[in-house]
């Protein structure tokens, strides 16, 4: 190997190790978020509301009038929840536009998990409804759809 090839090889290996380190940093942040996800629901003022209403939400179709009526009953708990959890667009002044990539990863996992709680839940339908609800770009909607497909959700 020539000296020039060795220099390029060294720089490429250095780049690869930097990417690995940066991705591991993101993974660490995601693991931290996973370990702390929605902890505010386990204490009041949220706990009492979610105990009373979670079964109603599970029995309703996401985005339906019945579902939205449950959300109105949960408003005090949801206001507190959104204030404490940055993976919700409602947490941010400008909604999705103020979120980070880490917020978005946690949000799509949250949507998938929430879809599993509904008797007729469907992550693809959730993406469609929330895309309109939060005025998400078609590009971001497509990224979520591609992610769901790649993960086999």
C-alpha atoms as a PDB file:
ATOM      1  CA  UNK A   1       0.000   0.000   0.000  1.00  0.00           C
ATOM      2  CA  UNK A   2       1.351   3.402  -0.929  1.00  0.00           C
ATOM      3  CA  UNK A   3       1.792   6.197   1.580  1.00  0.00           C
ATOM      4  CA  UNK A   4      -1.146   8.063  -0.014  1.00  0.00           C
ATOM      5  CA  UNK A   5      -3.372   4.976   0.239  1.00  0.00           C
ATOM      6  CA  UNK A   6      -2.372   4.530   3.873  1.00  0.00           C
ATOM      7  CA  UNK A   7      -3.261   8.166   4.615  1.00  0.00           C
ATOM      8  CA  UNK A   8      -6.667   7.776   2.966  1.00  0.00           C
ATOM      9  CA  UNK A   9      -7.230   4.476   4.773  1.00  0.00           C
ATOM     10  CA  UNK A  10      -6.350   6.095   8.106  1.00  0.00           C
ATOM     11  CA  UNK A  11      -8.692   9.038   7.492  1.00  0.00           C
ATOM     12  CA  UNK A  12     -11.499   6.668   6.446  1.00  0.00           C
ATOM     13  CA  UNK A  13     -11.053   4.536   9.562  1.00  0.00           C
ATOM     14  CA  UNK A  14     -10.997   7.673  11.701  1.00  0.00           C
ATOM     15  CA  UNK A  15     -14.249   8.820  10.044  1.00  0.00           C
ATOM     16  CA  UNK A  16     -15.879   5.433  10.639  1.00  0.00           C
ATOM     17  CA  UNK A  17     -14.912   5.474  14.330  1.00  0.00           C
ATOM     18  CA  UNK A  18     -16.277   9.017  14.683  1.00  0.00           C
ATOM     19  CA  UNK A  19     -19.603   7.943  13.169  1.00  0.00           C
ATOM     20  CA  UNK A  20     -19.725   4.934  15.507  1.00  0.00           C
ATOM     21  CA  UNK A  21     -19.043   7.163  18.519  1.00  0.00           C
ATOM     22  CA  UNK A  22     -21.669   9.721  17.474  1.00  0.00           C
ATOM     23  CA  UNK A  23     -24.279   7.048  16.797  1.00  0.00           C
ATOM     24  CA  UNK A  24     -23.506   5.416  20.144  1.00  0.00           C
ATOM     25  CA  UNK A  25     -24.067   8.793  21.795  1.00  0.00           C
ATOM     26  CA  UNK A  26     -27.501   8.973  20.157  1.00  0.00           C
ATOM     27  CA  UNK A  27     -28.254   5.374  21.158  1.00  0.00           C
ATOM     28  CA  UNK A  28     -27.345   6.248  24.748  1.00  0.00           C
ATOM     29  CA  UNK A  29     -29.727   9.197  24.670  1.00  0.00           C
ATOM     30  CA  UNK A  30     -32.478   6.981  23.230  1.00  0.00           C
ATOM     31  CA  UNK A  31     -31.876   4.358  25.931  1.00  0.00           C
ATOM     32  CA  UNK A  32     -32.167   7.085  28.566  1.00  0.00           C
ATOM     33  CA  UNK A  33     -35.453   8.236  27.031  1.00  0.00           C
ATOM     34  CA  UNK A  34     -36.712   4.648  26.857  1.00  0.00           C
ATOM     35  CA  UNK A  35     -35.966   4.153  30.542  1.00  0.00           C
ATOM     36  CA  UNK A  36     -37.789   7.359  31.487  1.00  0.00           C
ATOM     37  CA  UNK A  37     -40.612   7.294  28.953  1.00  0.00           C
ATOM     38  CA  UNK A  38     -43.944   8.643  30.275  1.00  0.00           C
ATOM     39  CA  UNK A  39     -42.931   8.426  33.943  1.00  0.00           C
ATOM     40  CA  UNK A  40     -45.208  11.403  34.623  1.00  0.00           C
ATOM     41  CA  UNK A  41     -48.216   9.112  34.012  1.00  0.00           C
ATOM     42  CA  UNK A  42     -47.328   7.148  37.132  1.00  0.00           C
ATOM     43  CA  UNK A  43     -47.931  10.080  39.472  1.00  0.00           C
ATOM     44  CA  UNK A  44     -50.671  12.601  40.036  1.00  0.00           C
ATOM     45  CA  UNK A  45     -52.117  14.691  38.598  1.00  0.00           C
ATOM     46  CA  UNK A  46     -51.902  12.295  35.633  1.00  0.00           C
ATOM     47  CA  UNK A  47     -52.333   8.933  37.359  1.00  0.00           C
ATOM     48  CA  UNK A  48     -55.914   9.433  38.596  1.00  0.00           C
ATOM     49  CA  UNK A  49     -57.095  10.579  35.172  1.00  0.00           C
ATOM     50  CA  UNK A  50     -55.402   7.753  33.288  1.00  0.00           C
ATOM     51  CA  UNK A  51     -56.790   5.144  35.722  1.00  0.00           C
ATOM     52  CA  UNK A  52     -60.304   6.442  35.050  1.00  0.00           C
ATOM     53  CA  UNK A  53     -60.046   6.840  31.275  1.00  0.00           C
ATOM     54  CA  UNK A  54     -57.473   4.433  29.791  1.00  0.00           C
ATOM     55  CA  UNK A  55     -60.048   1.658  29.292  1.00  0.00           C
ATOM     56  CA  UNK A  56     -62.284   4.076  27.351  1.00  0.00           C
ATOM     57  CA  UNK A  57     -59.410   5.047  25.084  1.00  0.00           C
ATOM     58  CA  UNK A  58     -58.554   1.398  24.410  1.00  0.00           C
ATOM     59  CA  UNK A  59     -62.145   0.660  23.415  1.00  0.00           C
ATOM     60  CA  UNK A  60     -62.344   3.650  21.056  1.00  0.00           C
ATOM     61  CA  UNK A  61     -61.026   4.068  17.549  1.00  0.00           C
ATOM     62  CA  UNK A  62     -58.073   6.436  17.372  1.00  0.00           C
ATOM     63  CA  UNK A  63     -59.157   9.799  15.993  1.00  0.00           C
ATOM     64  CA  UNK A  64     -62.891   9.060  16.344  1.00  0.00           C
ATOM     65  CA  UNK A  65     -65.413  11.363  18.033  1.00  0.00           C
ATOM     66  CA  UNK A  66     -65.491   8.971  21.000  1.00  0.00           C
ATOM     67  CA  UNK A  67     -61.688   9.084  21.251  1.00  0.00           C
ATOM     68  CA  UNK A  68     -61.652  12.886  21.066  1.00  0.00           C
ATOM     69  CA  UNK A  69     -64.335  13.070  23.782  1.00  0.00           C
ATOM     70  CA  UNK A  70     -62.044  10.984  26.029  1.00  0.00           C
ATOM     71  CA  UNK A  71     -59.214  13.407  25.327  1.00  0.00           C
ATOM     72  CA  UNK A  72     -61.397  16.293  26.494  1.00  0.00           C
ATOM     73  CA  UNK A  73     -62.053  14.453  29.770  1.00  0.00           C
ATOM     74  CA  UNK A  74     -58.307  13.881  30.118  1.00  0.00           C
ATOM     75  CA  UNK A  75     -57.349  17.488  29.321  1.00  0.00           C
ATOM     76  CA  UNK A  76     -55.911  18.422  32.755  1.00  0.00           C
ATOM     77  CA  UNK A  77     -53.744  15.295  32.786  1.00  0.00           C
ATOM     78  CA  UNK A  78     -52.749  15.716  29.146  1.00  0.00           C
ATOM     79  CA  UNK A  79     -51.766  19.350  29.632  1.00  0.00           C
ATOM     80  CA  UNK A  80     -49.457  18.258  32.455  1.00  0.00           C
ATOM     81  CA  UNK A  81     -48.192  15.287  30.441  1.00  0.00           C
ATOM     82  CA  UNK A  82     -47.370  17.338  27.353  1.00  0.00           C
ATOM     83  CA  UNK A  83     -45.562  19.930  29.480  1.00  0.00           C
ATOM     84  CA  UNK A  84     -43.324  17.180  30.938  1.00  0.00           C
ATOM     85  CA  UNK A  85     -42.632  15.112  27.786  1.00  0.00           C
ATOM     86  CA  UNK A  86     -40.817  16.531  24.758  1.00  0.00           C
ATOM     87  CA  UNK A  87     -41.747  13.625  22.469  1.00  0.00           C
ATOM     88  CA  UNK A  88     -45.210  15.180  22.121  1.00  0.00           C
ATOM     89  CA  UNK A  89     -45.647  17.983  19.570  1.00  0.00           C
ATOM     90  CA  UNK A  90     -47.890  19.749  22.091  1.00  0.00           C
ATOM     91  CA  UNK A  91     -44.823  20.213  24.308  1.00  0.00           C
ATOM     92  CA  UNK A  92     -43.315  22.639  21.797  1.00  0.00           C
ATOM     93  CA  UNK A  93     -44.382  26.146  20.821  1.00  0.00           C
ATOM     94  CA  UNK A  94     -44.125  25.258  17.114  1.00  0.00           C
ATOM     95  CA  UNK A  95     -45.129  21.609  17.401  1.00  0.00           C
ATOM     96  CA  UNK A  96     -43.194  19.100  15.316  1.00  0.00           C
ATOM     97  CA  UNK A  97     -41.076  21.911  13.847  1.00  0.00           C
ATOM     98  CA  UNK A  98     -39.376  22.423  17.226  1.00  0.00           C
ATOM     99  CA  UNK A  99     -38.752  18.726  17.908  1.00  0.00           C
ATOM    100  CA  UNK A 100     -35.417  16.931  17.692  1.00  0.00           C
ATOM    101  CA  UNK A 101     -34.679  13.722  15.856  1.00  0.00           C
ATOM    102  CA  UNK A 102     -34.585  11.992  19.248  1.00  0.00           C
ATOM    103  CA  UNK A 103     -38.061  13.371  20.050  1.00  0.00           C
ATOM    104  CA  UNK A 104     -39.311  12.012  16.714  1.00  0.00           C
ATOM    105  CA  UNK A 105     -37.865   8.541  17.330  1.00  0.00           C
ATOM    106  CA  UNK A 106     -39.512   8.397  20.747  1.00  0.00           C
ATOM    107  CA  UNK A 107     -42.752   9.744  19.270  1.00  0.00           C
ATOM    108  CA  UNK A 108     -43.038   7.077  16.557  1.00  0.00           C
ATOM    109  CA  UNK A 109     -42.333   4.343  19.129  1.00  0.00           C
ATOM    110  CA  UNK A 110     -44.999   5.921  21.361  1.00  0.00           C
ATOM    111  CA  UNK A 111     -47.494   5.964  18.486  1.00  0.00           C
ATOM    112  CA  UNK A 112     -46.806   2.310  17.697  1.00  0.00           C
ATOM    113  CA  UNK A 113     -47.201   1.331  21.342  1.00  0.00           C
ATOM    114  CA  UNK A 114     -50.415   3.355  21.627  1.00  0.00           C
ATOM    115  CA  UNK A 115     -51.784   1.625  18.527  1.00  0.00           C
ATOM    116  CA  UNK A 116     -51.289  -1.722  20.295  1.00  0.00           C
ATOM    117  CA  UNK A 117     -53.534  -0.561  23.169  1.00  0.00           C
ATOM    118  CA  UNK A 118     -56.507   0.079  20.892  1.00  0.00           C
ATOM    119  CA  UNK A 119     -58.679  -2.841  19.894  1.00  0.00           C
ATOM    120  CA  UNK A 120     -58.480  -1.686  16.270  1.00  0.00           C
ATOM    121  CA  UNK A 121     -55.144   0.158  16.440  1.00  0.00           C
ATOM    122  CA  UNK A 122     -53.071   0.631  13.303  1.00  0.00           C
ATOM    123  CA  UNK A 123     -49.748   2.489  13.218  1.00  0.00           C
ATOM    124  CA  UNK A 124     -50.146   3.409   9.546  1.00  0.00           C
ATOM    125  CA  UNK A 125     -53.539   4.968  10.262  1.00  0.00           C
ATOM    126  CA  UNK A 126     -52.032   6.781  13.269  1.00  0.00           C
ATOM    127  CA  UNK A 127     -49.334   8.268  11.029  1.00  0.00           C
ATOM    128  CA  UNK A 128     -51.993   9.409   8.567  1.00  0.00           C
ATOM    129  CA  UNK A 129     -54.183  10.994  11.261  1.00  0.00           C
ATOM    130  CA  UNK A 130     -51.280  12.576  13.147  1.00  0.00           C
ATOM    131  CA  UNK A 131     -49.670  13.811   9.955  1.00  0.00           C
ATOM    132  CA  UNK A 132     -52.736  15.960   9.346  1.00  0.00           C
ATOM    133  CA  UNK A 133     -53.277  16.746  13.042  1.00  0.00           C
ATOM    134  CA  UNK A 134     -49.762  18.110  13.505  1.00  0.00           C
ATOM    135  CA  UNK A 135     -49.397  19.586   9.994  1.00  0.00           C
ATOM    136  CA  UNK A 136     -46.406  17.391   9.255  1.00  0.00           C
ATOM    137  CA  UNK A 137     -44.687  17.620   5.892  1.00  0.00           C
ATOM    138  CA  UNK A 138     -45.268  14.851   3.384  1.00  0.00           C
ATOM    139  CA  UNK A 139     -41.550  14.147   3.598  1.00  0.00           C
ATOM    140  CA  UNK A 140     -41.690  13.471   7.344  1.00  0.00           C
ATOM    141  CA  UNK A 141     -44.855  11.384   6.965  1.00  0.00           C
ATOM    142  CA  UNK A 142     -43.076   9.302   4.333  1.00  0.00           C
ATOM    143  CA  UNK A 143     -40.040   8.891   6.618  1.00  0.00           C
ATOM    144  CA  UNK A 144     -42.335   7.564   9.363  1.00  0.00           C
ATOM    145  CA  UNK A 145     -44.035   5.216   6.881  1.00  0.00           C
ATOM    146  CA  UNK A 146     -40.654   3.972   5.638  1.00  0.00           C
ATOM    147  CA  UNK A 147     -39.459   3.437   9.215  1.00  0.00           C
ATOM    148  CA  UNK A 148     -42.559   1.452  10.153  1.00  0.00           C
ATOM    149  CA  UNK A 149     -42.099  -0.689   7.053  1.00  0.00           C
ATOM    150  CA  UNK A 150     -38.384  -1.266   7.702  1.00  0.00           C
ATOM    151  CA  UNK A 151     -39.040  -2.250  11.327  1.00  0.00           C
ATOM    152  CA  UNK A 152     -41.865  -4.595  10.343  1.00  0.00           C
ATOM    153  CA  UNK A 153     -44.449  -2.721  12.416  1.00  0.00           C
END
